[in-house]
Amino acid sequence: LGQGHTMAVGAAIAEKFLKERFGEWMSHDIYTFISDGGIQEEISQGAGRIAGYLGLNNLIMFYDSNDIQLSTTTDAVTVEDTAKKYEAWGWAVMTIDGNNAGEIRKALEAAKAETEKPFLIIGKTIMGKGAVA
């Protein structure tokens, strides 16, 4: 847990280096996905801090926030406000209904328009929504 977050931050840093060295044709965005268990990991928090500090505006992270982790609900171990935490680290943050395709599309458009900060989309979801019981 958390390794994908750190790999994405590393890729965003590498993209900035390549763009600076070889020009605009190397410019691209890094998309990453994280869930409740992963976002709680200390390694993710360190990666989040450095991404905000460096202003990695090429990093777009979708957080699938369904309030469930490996063996329990997240409120059994934490009550922190993830949006405020990432904003304090220098990220742009938007919370949406993560089961709504229209809201996801709008959030991605907002993320692409951000020019100074990494972007966190917090998609509040229902695990297994629509599955037959």
N, C-alpha and C. Protein backbone atom coordinates (compact mmCIF):
# COMPACT_ATOMS: atom_id res chain seq x y z
N LEU A 1 0.82 -1.18 0.00
CA LEU A 1 0.00 0.00 0.00
C LEU A 1 0.87 1.25 0.00
N GLY A 2 0.48 2.21 -0.80
CA GLY A 2 1.19 3.48 -0.87
C GLY A 2 2.28 3.55 -1.92
N GLN A 3 2.72 2.41 -2.43
CA GLN A 3 3.82 2.40 -3.39
C GLN A 3 3.44 3.06 -4.71
N GLY A 4 2.20 2.89 -5.14
CA GLY A 4 1.76 3.52 -6.39
C GLY A 4 1.80 5.04 -6.30
N HIS A 5 1.48 5.56 -5.12
CA HIS A 5 1.52 7.00 -4.90
C HIS A 5 2.95 7.51 -5.06
N THR A 6 3.89 6.82 -4.45
CA THR A 6 5.29 7.26 -4.54
C THR A 6 5.83 7.10 -5.95
N MET A 7 5.44 6.03 -6.64
CA MET A 7 5.89 5.84 -8.02
C MET A 7 5.35 6.95 -8.93
N ALA A 8 4.11 7.35 -8.71
CA ALA A 8 3.51 8.41 -9.51
C ALA A 8 4.21 9.74 -9.27
N VAL A 9 4.55 10.04 -8.03
CA VAL A 9 5.27 11.27 -7.73
C VAL A 9 6.65 11.24 -8.40
N GLY A 10 7.32 10.10 -8.35
CA GLY A 10 8.60 9.97 -9.03
C GLY A 10 8.48 10.16 -10.54
N ALA A 11 7.42 9.61 -11.12
CA ALA A 11 7.19 9.78 -12.56
C ALA A 11 6.91 11.24 -12.90
N ALA A 12 6.18 11.94 -12.03
CA ALA A 12 5.89 13.36 -12.27
C ALA A 12 7.17 14.19 -12.18
N ILE A 13 8.05 13.85 -11.25
CA ILE A 13 9.33 14.54 -11.14
C ILE A 13 10.17 14.27 -12.39
N ALA A 14 10.20 13.00 -12.84
CA ALA A 14 10.96 12.64 -14.04
C ALA A 14 10.43 13.38 -15.26
N GLU A 15 9.11 13.52 -15.37
CA GLU A 15 8.52 14.25 -16.50
C GLU A 15 8.99 15.69 -16.50
N LYS A 16 9.03 16.32 -15.34
CA LYS A 16 9.50 17.72 -15.25
C LYS A 16 10.96 17.82 -15.70
N PHE A 17 11.77 16.86 -15.28
CA PHE A 17 13.18 16.85 -15.68
C PHE A 17 13.31 16.69 -17.19
N LEU A 18 12.61 15.72 -17.75
CA LEU A 18 12.69 15.46 -19.20
C LEU A 18 12.18 16.65 -20.02
N LYS A 19 11.12 17.26 -19.55
CA LYS A 19 10.57 18.43 -20.25
C LYS A 19 11.59 19.58 -20.23
N GLU A 20 12.21 19.79 -19.10
CA GLU A 20 13.22 20.86 -18.98
C GLU A 20 14.43 20.56 -19.87
N ARG A 21 14.82 19.33 -19.93
CA ARG A 21 16.03 18.95 -20.68
C ARG A 21 15.79 18.85 -22.19
N PHE A 22 14.63 18.28 -22.58
CA PHE A 22 14.41 17.99 -24.00
C PHE A 22 13.31 18.82 -24.66
N GLY A 23 12.57 19.60 -23.86
CA GLY A 23 11.58 20.48 -24.45
C GLY A 23 10.15 20.04 -24.24
N GLU A 24 9.25 20.88 -24.72
CA GLU A 24 7.82 20.72 -24.51
C GLU A 24 7.26 19.40 -25.03
N TRP A 25 7.89 18.83 -26.04
CA TRP A 25 7.35 17.58 -26.61
C TRP A 25 7.35 16.44 -25.58
N MET A 26 8.11 16.60 -24.52
CA MET A 26 8.14 15.59 -23.45
C MET A 26 7.04 15.82 -22.40
N SER A 27 6.29 16.90 -22.54
CA SER A 27 5.27 17.26 -21.55
C SER A 27 4.09 16.28 -21.58
N HIS A 28 3.73 15.78 -20.42
CA HIS A 28 2.55 14.93 -20.29
C HIS A 28 2.12 14.89 -18.82
N ASP A 29 0.94 14.40 -18.59
CA ASP A 29 0.41 14.30 -17.23
C ASP A 29 0.55 12.88 -16.70
N ILE A 30 0.67 12.79 -15.40
CA ILE A 30 0.75 11.51 -14.70
C ILE A 30 -0.57 11.33 -13.95
N TYR A 31 -1.24 10.22 -14.21
CA TYR A 31 -2.49 9.89 -13.52
C TYR A 31 -2.22 8.73 -12.58
N THR A 32 -2.78 8.81 -11.38
CA THR A 32 -2.60 7.74 -10.42
C THR A 32 -3.89 7.52 -9.63
N PHE A 33 -3.98 6.39 -9.00
CA PHE A 33 -5.18 5.96 -8.29
C PHE A 33 -4.76 5.48 -6.91
N ILE A 34 -5.51 5.86 -5.88
CA ILE A 34 -5.20 5.42 -4.54
C ILE A 34 -6.51 5.13 -3.81
N SER A 35 -6.45 4.27 -2.83
CA SER A 35 -7.64 3.92 -2.06
C SER A 35 -7.43 4.26 -0.59
N ASP A 36 -8.44 3.97 0.22
CA ASP A 36 -8.38 4.33 1.63
C ASP A 36 -7.16 3.78 2.35
N GLY A 37 -6.87 2.51 2.18
CA GLY A 37 -5.73 1.91 2.87
C GLY A 37 -4.42 2.52 2.42
N GLY A 38 -4.27 2.76 1.13
CA GLY A 38 -3.03 3.32 0.60
C GLY A 38 -2.79 4.74 1.04
N ILE A 39 -3.84 5.53 1.12
CA ILE A 39 -3.67 6.94 1.47
C ILE A 39 -3.30 7.12 2.94
N GLN A 40 -3.58 6.09 3.76
CA GLN A 40 -3.22 6.15 5.18
C GLN A 40 -1.74 5.86 5.41
N GLU A 41 -1.08 5.25 4.46
CA GLU A 41 0.31 4.85 4.65
C GLU A 41 1.24 6.05 4.77
N GLU A 42 2.20 5.96 5.65
CA GLU A 42 3.15 7.06 5.87
C GLU A 42 3.93 7.38 4.60
N ILE A 43 4.24 6.38 3.79
CA ILE A 43 5.00 6.64 2.57
C ILE A 43 4.18 7.50 1.60
N SER A 44 2.86 7.32 1.58
CA SER A 44 1.99 8.15 0.75
C SER A 44 1.99 9.58 1.24
N GLN A 45 2.02 9.75 2.54
CA GLN A 45 2.01 11.10 3.09
C GLN A 45 3.30 11.84 2.77
N GLY A 46 4.42 11.15 2.84
CA GLY A 46 5.69 11.78 2.45
C GLY A 46 5.68 12.16 0.98
N ALA A 47 5.15 11.28 0.14
CA ALA A 47 5.07 11.56 -1.30
C ALA A 47 4.12 12.73 -1.56
N GLY A 48 3.01 12.78 -0.84
CA GLY A 48 2.06 13.87 -0.99
C GLY A 48 2.67 15.21 -0.63
N ARG A 49 3.44 15.23 0.44
CA ARG A 49 4.09 16.47 0.86
C ARG A 49 5.07 16.98 -0.19
N ILE A 50 5.91 16.10 -0.70
CA ILE A 50 6.92 16.54 -1.67
C ILE A 50 6.28 16.97 -2.98
N ALA A 51 5.21 16.29 -3.39
CA ALA A 51 4.52 16.67 -4.63
C ALA A 51 3.94 18.08 -4.52
N GLY A 52 3.35 18.39 -3.38
CA GLY A 52 2.82 19.73 -3.17
C GLY A 52 3.92 20.77 -3.10
N TYR A 53 4.97 20.45 -2.37
CA TYR A 53 6.10 21.37 -2.23
C TYR A 53 6.74 21.69 -3.58
N LEU A 54 6.86 20.68 -4.42
CA LEU A 54 7.47 20.88 -5.74
C LEU A 54 6.48 21.46 -6.77
N GLY A 55 5.21 21.56 -6.41
CA GLY A 55 4.21 22.10 -7.33
C GLY A 55 4.05 21.24 -8.59
N LEU A 56 3.95 19.94 -8.39
CA LEU A 56 3.87 19.00 -9.53
C LEU A 56 2.48 19.08 -10.18
N ASN A 57 2.28 20.13 -10.96
CA ASN A 57 0.99 20.36 -11.61
C ASN A 57 0.71 19.35 -12.72
N ASN A 58 1.61 18.45 -12.96
CA ASN A 58 1.42 17.39 -13.95
C ASN A 58 0.91 16.09 -13.31
N LEU A 59 0.59 16.14 -12.01
CA LEU A 59 0.16 14.96 -11.27
C LEU A 59 -1.32 15.06 -10.92
N ILE A 60 -2.10 14.09 -11.37
CA ILE A 60 -3.53 14.02 -11.07
C ILE A 60 -3.79 12.68 -10.38
N MET A 61 -4.29 12.75 -9.15
CA MET A 61 -4.53 11.53 -8.38
C MET A 61 -6.02 11.38 -8.07
N PHE A 62 -6.56 10.22 -8.37
CA PHE A 62 -7.94 9.90 -8.02
C PHE A 62 -7.92 9.04 -6.76
N TYR A 63 -8.61 9.51 -5.74
CA TYR A 63 -8.70 8.79 -4.47
C TYR A 63 -10.09 8.18 -4.36
N ASP A 64 -10.15 6.85 -4.42
CA ASP A 64 -11.40 6.10 -4.27
C ASP A 64 -11.71 6.02 -2.79
N SER A 65 -12.52 6.95 -2.32
CA SER A 65 -12.82 7.07 -0.90
C SER A 65 -14.16 6.40 -0.59
N ASN A 66 -14.10 5.11 -0.27
CA ASN A 66 -15.33 4.40 0.06
C ASN A 66 -15.42 4.08 1.56
N ASP A 67 -14.46 4.61 2.33
CA ASP A 67 -14.43 4.47 3.79
C ASP A 67 -14.29 3.03 4.27
N ILE A 68 -13.70 2.18 3.43
CA ILE A 68 -13.44 0.78 3.79
C ILE A 68 -11.96 0.49 3.59
N GLN A 69 -11.36 -0.21 4.52
CA GLN A 69 -9.98 -0.67 4.35
C GLN A 69 -9.96 -2.19 4.48
N LEU A 70 -8.81 -2.77 4.60
CA LEU A 70 -8.69 -4.22 4.53
C LEU A 70 -9.69 -5.00 5.40
N SER A 71 -9.82 -4.63 6.66
CA SER A 71 -10.64 -5.46 7.53
C SER A 71 -11.72 -4.70 8.30
N THR A 72 -11.86 -3.42 8.06
CA THR A 72 -12.82 -2.64 8.82
C THR A 72 -13.12 -1.33 8.09
N THR A 73 -13.95 -0.53 8.69
CA THR A 73 -14.20 0.81 8.16
C THR A 73 -13.04 1.72 8.56
N THR A 74 -12.81 2.76 7.79
CA THR A 74 -11.66 3.64 8.07
C THR A 74 -11.82 4.39 9.38
N ASP A 75 -13.05 4.68 9.78
CA ASP A 75 -13.23 5.45 11.02
C ASP A 75 -12.85 4.67 12.28
N ALA A 76 -12.53 3.39 12.13
CA ALA A 76 -12.04 2.61 13.27
C ALA A 76 -10.60 2.96 13.61
N VAL A 77 -9.88 3.59 12.65
CA VAL A 77 -8.47 3.89 12.89
C VAL A 77 -8.08 5.35 12.62
N THR A 78 -8.95 6.11 11.95
CA THR A 78 -8.59 7.50 11.65
C THR A 78 -9.83 8.36 11.46
N VAL A 79 -9.70 9.63 11.79
CA VAL A 79 -10.79 10.58 11.58
C VAL A 79 -10.26 11.85 10.89
N GLU A 80 -9.07 11.75 10.29
CA GLU A 80 -8.48 12.94 9.68
C GLU A 80 -9.25 13.38 8.45
N ASP A 81 -9.12 14.66 8.12
CA ASP A 81 -9.75 15.24 6.94
C ASP A 81 -8.71 15.23 5.82
N THR A 82 -8.83 14.26 4.92
CA THR A 82 -7.85 14.08 3.85
C THR A 82 -7.79 15.29 2.94
N ALA A 83 -8.92 15.89 2.61
CA ALA A 83 -8.92 17.06 1.73
C ALA A 83 -8.11 18.19 2.34
N LYS A 84 -8.34 18.49 3.61
CA LYS A 84 -7.60 19.57 4.27
C LYS A 84 -6.12 19.25 4.37
N LYS A 85 -5.81 17.99 4.61
CA LYS A 85 -4.41 17.59 4.71
C LYS A 85 -3.69 17.86 3.39
N TYR A 86 -4.27 17.45 2.28
CA TYR A 86 -3.63 17.66 0.98
C TYR A 86 -3.60 19.13 0.60
N GLU A 87 -4.64 19.87 0.94
CA GLU A 87 -4.62 21.32 0.69
C GLU A 87 -3.48 21.97 1.46
N ALA A 88 -3.26 21.54 2.70
CA ALA A 88 -2.16 22.09 3.51
C ALA A 88 -0.80 21.77 2.90
N TRP A 89 -0.72 20.67 2.17
CA TRP A 89 0.53 20.29 1.51
C TRP A 89 0.71 20.99 0.17
N GLY A 90 -0.29 21.78 -0.27
CA GLY A 90 -0.14 22.52 -1.51
C GLY A 90 -0.83 21.91 -2.72
N TRP A 91 -1.78 21.02 -2.50
CA TRP A 91 -2.52 20.40 -3.59
C TRP A 91 -3.83 21.15 -3.84
N ALA A 92 -4.32 21.10 -5.06
CA ALA A 92 -5.69 21.48 -5.36
C ALA A 92 -6.53 20.24 -5.13
N VAL A 93 -7.68 20.40 -4.49
CA VAL A 93 -8.51 19.25 -4.11
C VAL A 93 -9.96 19.48 -4.51
N MET A 94 -10.59 18.43 -5.04
CA MET A 94 -12.01 18.47 -5.37
C MET A 94 -12.64 17.17 -4.90
N THR A 95 -13.76 17.27 -4.20
CA THR A 95 -14.49 16.09 -3.75
C THR A 95 -15.74 15.93 -4.61
N ILE A 96 -15.95 14.71 -5.10
CA ILE A 96 -17.06 14.43 -6.01
C ILE A 96 -17.74 13.12 -5.64
N ASP A 97 -18.85 12.86 -6.30
CA ASP A 97 -19.49 11.55 -6.25
C ASP A 97 -18.71 10.67 -7.23
N GLY A 98 -17.90 9.80 -6.71
CA GLY A 98 -17.05 8.96 -7.53
C GLY A 98 -17.76 7.89 -8.33
N ASN A 99 -19.07 7.74 -8.13
CA ASN A 99 -19.86 6.82 -8.94
C ASN A 99 -20.58 7.53 -10.07
N ASN A 100 -20.35 8.83 -10.22
CA ASN A 100 -21.03 9.64 -11.22
C ASN A 100 -20.05 10.01 -12.33
N ALA A 101 -20.25 9.44 -13.52
CA ALA A 101 -19.32 9.67 -14.63
C ALA A 101 -19.22 11.14 -15.02
N GLY A 102 -20.33 11.87 -14.96
CA GLY A 102 -20.31 13.29 -15.29
C GLY A 102 -19.45 14.09 -14.33
N GLU A 103 -19.55 13.78 -13.04
CA GLU A 103 -18.72 14.48 -12.05
C GLU A 103 -17.25 14.11 -12.22
N ILE A 104 -16.96 12.88 -12.55
CA ILE A 104 -15.57 12.47 -12.80
C ILE A 104 -15.01 13.24 -13.98
N ARG A 105 -15.78 13.37 -15.03
CA ARG A 105 -15.35 14.11 -16.23
C ARG A 105 -15.05 15.57 -15.88
N LYS A 106 -15.94 16.22 -15.13
CA LYS A 106 -15.74 17.62 -14.73
C LYS A 106 -14.50 17.77 -13.85
N ALA A 107 -14.29 16.82 -12.95
CA ALA A 107 -13.12 16.88 -12.08
C ALA A 107 -11.84 16.73 -12.90
N LEU A 108 -11.83 15.85 -13.87
CA LEU A 108 -10.66 15.70 -14.73
C LEU A 108 -10.39 16.96 -15.54
N GLU A 109 -11.44 17.63 -16.00
CA GLU A 109 -11.27 18.90 -16.72
C GLU A 109 -10.66 19.95 -15.80
N ALA A 110 -11.13 20.02 -14.56
CA ALA A 110 -10.58 20.97 -13.59
C ALA A 110 -9.12 20.64 -13.29
N ALA A 111 -8.82 19.36 -13.17
CA ALA A 111 -7.44 18.94 -12.90
C ALA A 111 -6.52 19.32 -14.05
N LYS A 112 -6.98 19.12 -15.28
CA LYS A 112 -6.16 19.48 -16.45
C LYS A 112 -5.94 20.99 -16.54
N ALA A 113 -6.89 21.77 -16.02
CA ALA A 113 -6.79 23.23 -16.07
C ALA A 113 -5.86 23.79 -14.99
N GLU A 114 -5.56 23.00 -13.96
CA GLU A 114 -4.69 23.45 -12.87
C GLU A 114 -3.26 23.63 -13.39
N THR A 115 -2.67 24.78 -13.16
CA THR A 115 -1.34 25.06 -13.71
C THR A 115 -0.24 25.18 -12.66
N GLU A 116 -0.59 25.10 -11.37
CA GLU A 116 0.42 25.32 -10.34
C GLU A 116 0.56 24.21 -9.31
N LYS A 117 -0.45 23.37 -9.16
CA LYS A 117 -0.45 22.40 -8.07
C LYS A 117 -0.80 21.00 -8.56
N PRO A 118 -0.36 19.97 -7.82
CA PRO A 118 -0.89 18.64 -8.09
C PRO A 118 -2.38 18.64 -7.73
N PHE A 119 -3.13 17.71 -8.29
CA PHE A 119 -4.59 17.73 -8.14
C PHE A 119 -5.07 16.41 -7.57
N LEU A 120 -5.82 16.49 -6.47
CA LEU A 120 -6.42 15.32 -5.85
C LEU A 120 -7.92 15.35 -6.07
N ILE A 121 -8.44 14.32 -6.70
CA ILE A 121 -9.88 14.14 -6.87
C ILE A 121 -10.31 13.10 -5.84
N ILE A 122 -11.11 13.52 -4.89
CA ILE A 122 -11.63 12.58 -3.89
C ILE A 122 -12.99 12.11 -4.37
N GLY A 123 -13.04 10.88 -4.83
CA GLY A 123 -14.29 10.30 -5.32
C GLY A 123 -14.94 9.51 -4.21
N LYS A 124 -15.98 10.06 -3.61
CA LYS A 124 -16.73 9.33 -2.58
C LYS A 124 -17.54 8.25 -3.31
N THR A 125 -17.24 7.00 -3.01
CA THR A 125 -17.87 5.89 -3.72
C THR A 125 -18.55 4.91 -2.77
N ILE A 126 -19.37 4.06 -3.37
CA ILE A 126 -19.98 2.95 -2.65
C ILE A 126 -19.38 1.67 -3.24
N MET A 127 -18.71 0.90 -2.40
CA MET A 127 -18.05 -0.30 -2.88
C MET A 127 -19.09 -1.28 -3.44
N GLY A 128 -18.86 -1.73 -4.67
CA GLY A 128 -19.74 -2.70 -5.30
C GLY A 128 -21.10 -2.14 -5.70
N LYS A 129 -21.20 -0.81 -5.85
CA LYS A 129 -22.49 -0.21 -6.20
C LYS A 129 -23.05 -0.86 -7.47
N GLY A 130 -24.32 -1.26 -7.39
CA GLY A 130 -24.98 -1.88 -8.54
C GLY A 130 -24.82 -3.38 -8.63
N ALA A 131 -23.98 -3.96 -7.78
CA ALA A 131 -23.79 -5.42 -7.83
C ALA A 131 -25.03 -6.11 -7.28
N VAL A 132 -25.34 -7.24 -7.87
CA VAL A 132 -26.49 -8.03 -7.42
C VAL A 132 -26.10 -8.76 -6.15
N ALA A 133 -26.93 -8.68 -5.14
CA ALA A 133 -26.62 -9.31 -3.84
C ALA A 133 -26.89 -10.80 -3.89
